[in-house]
Amino acid sequence: MVVFSNFFLFDILSAKYEEKLNLERQAQEKEYYFTQCQLMQESTEQVKAVRHDIKNHLATLKGFTTNGTIEDIKGYLDSLVNDIEKSEVSVY
């Protein structure tokens, strides 16, 4: 009888421990997915900002084609290229 009760208690303790491990793993997964969602949202905002900037640069270049000179366009493009070369790209 004592052996049976020991096995029974061991089974109960094992089940509780396994349940605790599963809950901890689920909490870690939830935190990981939350962090990934935040990174994706930040990335989406960065893409929107880049698209906005490109649209403005193209509008400026279009304006130079009607009102400016080739030297104005070259200077503007040189400035853009210089800014791009100075910027850092981070990948996570």
C-alpha atoms as a PDB file:
ATOM      1  CA  MET A   1       0.000   0.000   0.000  1.00  0.00           C
ATOM      2  CA  VAL A   2       2.845   2.357   0.824  1.00  0.00           C
ATOM      3  CA  VAL A   3       4.461   1.693  -2.543  1.00  0.00           C
ATOM      4  CA  PHE A   4       1.181   2.361  -4.316  1.00  0.00           C
ATOM      5  CA  SER A   5       0.695   5.662  -2.484  1.00  0.00           C
ATOM      6  CA  ASN A   6       4.280   6.679  -3.302  1.00  0.00           C
ATOM      7  CA  PHE A   7       3.700   6.040  -6.997  1.00  0.00           C
ATOM      8  CA  PHE A   8       0.409   7.887  -6.833  1.00  0.00           C
ATOM      9  CA  LEU A   9       2.029  10.925  -5.192  1.00  0.00           C
ATOM     10  CA  PHE A  10       4.913  10.785  -7.663  1.00  0.00           C
ATOM     11  CA  ASP A  11       2.432  10.833 -10.562  1.00  0.00           C
ATOM     12  CA  ILE A  12       0.604  13.822  -9.093  1.00  0.00           C
ATOM     13  CA  LEU A  13       3.843  15.732  -8.470  1.00  0.00           C
ATOM     14  CA  SER A  14       5.116  14.884 -11.942  1.00  0.00           C
ATOM     15  CA  ALA A  15       1.898  16.115 -13.535  1.00  0.00           C
ATOM     16  CA  LYS A  16       1.991  19.373 -11.537  1.00  0.00           C
ATOM     17  CA  TYR A  17       5.643  19.945 -12.430  1.00  0.00           C
ATOM     18  CA  GLU A  18       4.960  19.287 -16.110  1.00  0.00           C
ATOM     19  CA  GLU A  19       1.995  21.673 -15.985  1.00  0.00           C
ATOM     20  CA  LYS A  20       4.204  24.349 -14.412  1.00  0.00           C
ATOM     21  CA  LEU A  21       6.850  23.881 -17.126  1.00  0.00           C
ATOM     22  CA  ASN A  22       4.200  24.152 -19.831  1.00  0.00           C
ATOM     23  CA  LEU A  23       2.851  27.385 -18.354  1.00  0.00           C
ATOM     24  CA  GLU A  24       6.349  28.855 -18.190  1.00  0.00           C
ATOM     25  CA  ARG A  25       7.033  27.844 -21.804  1.00  0.00           C
ATOM     26  CA  GLN A  26       3.752  29.391 -22.922  1.00  0.00           C
ATOM     27  CA  ALA A  27       4.615  32.629 -21.120  1.00  0.00           C
ATOM     28  CA  GLN A  28       8.011  32.719 -22.835  1.00  0.00           C
ATOM     29  CA  GLU A  29       6.415  32.070 -26.229  1.00  0.00           C
ATOM     30  CA  LYS A  30       3.866  34.809 -25.616  1.00  0.00           C
ATOM     31  CA  GLU A  31       6.637  37.282 -24.745  1.00  0.00           C
ATOM     32  CA  TYR A  32       8.630  36.244 -27.826  1.00  0.00           C
ATOM     33  CA  TYR A  33       5.647  36.723 -30.158  1.00  0.00           C
ATOM     34  CA  PHE A  34       4.785  40.059 -28.543  1.00  0.00           C
ATOM     35  CA  THR A  35       8.352  41.260 -29.147  1.00  0.00           C
ATOM     36  CA  GLN A  36       8.217  40.049 -32.756  1.00  0.00           C
ATOM     37  CA  CYS A  37       4.947  41.932 -33.307  1.00  0.00           C
ATOM     38  CA  GLN A  38       6.506  45.107 -31.942  1.00  0.00           C
ATOM     39  CA  LEU A  39       9.490  44.725 -34.281  1.00  0.00           C
ATOM     40  CA  MET A  40       7.173  44.169 -37.237  1.00  0.00           C
ATOM     41  CA  GLN A  41       5.169  47.291 -36.361  1.00  0.00           C
ATOM     42  CA  GLU A  42       8.363  49.350 -36.110  1.00  0.00           C
ATOM     43  CA  SER A  43       9.535  47.964 -39.431  1.00  0.00           C
ATOM     44  CA  THR A  44       6.208  48.851 -41.061  1.00  0.00           C
ATOM     45  CA  GLU A  45       6.473  52.412 -39.756  1.00  0.00           C
ATOM     46  CA  GLN A  46      10.012  52.689 -41.108  1.00  0.00           C
ATOM     47  CA  VAL A  47       8.880  51.482 -44.541  1.00  0.00           C
ATOM     48  CA  LYS A  48       6.055  54.045 -44.521  1.00  0.00           C
ATOM     49  CA  ALA A  49       8.552  56.791 -43.667  1.00  0.00           C
ATOM     50  CA  VAL A  50      10.898  55.724 -46.471  1.00  0.00           C
ATOM     51  CA  ARG A  51       8.036  55.666 -48.976  1.00  0.00           C
ATOM     52  CA  HIS A  52       7.002  59.147 -47.861  1.00  0.00           C
ATOM     53  CA  ASP A  53      10.577  60.421 -48.231  1.00  0.00           C
ATOM     54  CA  ILE A  54      10.978  58.848 -51.686  1.00  0.00           C
ATOM     55  CA  LYS A  55       7.708  60.425 -52.824  1.00  0.00           C
ATOM     56  CA  ASN A  56       8.953  63.834 -51.697  1.00  0.00           C
ATOM     57  CA  HIS A  57      12.346  63.337 -53.380  1.00  0.00           C
ATOM     58  CA  LEU A  58      10.660  62.358 -56.632  1.00  0.00           C
ATOM     59  CA  ALA A  59       8.415  65.421 -56.451  1.00  0.00           C
ATOM     60  CA  THR A  60      11.487  67.607 -55.902  1.00  0.00           C
ATOM     61  CA  LEU A  61      13.265  66.031 -58.863  1.00  0.00           C
ATOM     62  CA  LYS A  62      10.171  66.492 -61.018  1.00  0.00           C
ATOM     63  CA  GLY A  63      10.138  70.157 -60.009  1.00  0.00           C
ATOM     64  CA  PHE A  64      13.784  70.484 -61.028  1.00  0.00           C
ATOM     65  CA  THR A  65      12.952  69.100 -64.480  1.00  0.00           C
ATOM     66  CA  THR A  66      10.556  71.961 -65.158  1.00  0.00           C
ATOM     67  CA  ASN A  67      12.132  74.818 -63.221  1.00  0.00           C
ATOM     68  CA  GLY A  68      15.776  73.893 -62.661  1.00  0.00           C
ATOM     69  CA  THR A  69      18.909  72.918 -64.480  1.00  0.00           C
ATOM     70  CA  ILE A  70      20.735  69.653 -64.907  1.00  0.00           C
ATOM     71  CA  GLU A  71      23.250  70.921 -62.346  1.00  0.00           C
ATOM     72  CA  ASP A  72      20.436  71.373 -59.809  1.00  0.00           C
ATOM     73  CA  ILE A  73      19.336  67.778 -60.383  1.00  0.00           C
ATOM     74  CA  LYS A  74      22.905  66.460 -60.147  1.00  0.00           C
ATOM     75  CA  GLY A  75      23.519  68.403 -56.937  1.00  0.00           C
ATOM     76  CA  TYR A  76      20.301  67.130 -55.381  1.00  0.00           C
ATOM     77  CA  LEU A  77      21.078  63.528 -56.345  1.00  0.00           C
ATOM     78  CA  ASP A  78      24.638  63.851 -55.032  1.00  0.00           C
ATOM     79  CA  SER A  79      23.235  65.115 -51.754  1.00  0.00           C
ATOM     80  CA  LEU A  80      20.832  62.162 -51.521  1.00  0.00           C
ATOM     81  CA  VAL A  81      23.557  59.635 -52.302  1.00  0.00           C
ATOM     82  CA  ASN A  82      25.816  61.250 -49.697  1.00  0.00           C
ATOM     83  CA  ASP A  83      23.055  61.051 -47.077  1.00  0.00           C
ATOM     84  CA  ILE A  84      22.420  57.385 -47.891  1.00  0.00           C
ATOM     85  CA  GLU A  85      26.111  56.529 -47.592  1.00  0.00           C
ATOM     86  CA  LYS A  86      26.255  58.201 -44.156  1.00  0.00           C
ATOM     87  CA  SER A  87      23.207  56.380 -42.794  1.00  0.00           C
ATOM     88  CA  GLU A  88      23.432  53.034 -41.030  1.00  0.00           C
ATOM     89  CA  VAL A  89      21.201  50.102 -41.747  1.00  0.00           C
ATOM     90  CA  SER A  90      20.315  47.863 -38.812  1.00  0.00           C
ATOM     91  CA  VAL A  91      18.891  44.394 -39.223  1.00  0.00           C
ATOM     92  CA  TYR A  92      17.455  42.438 -36.324  1.00  0.00           C
END
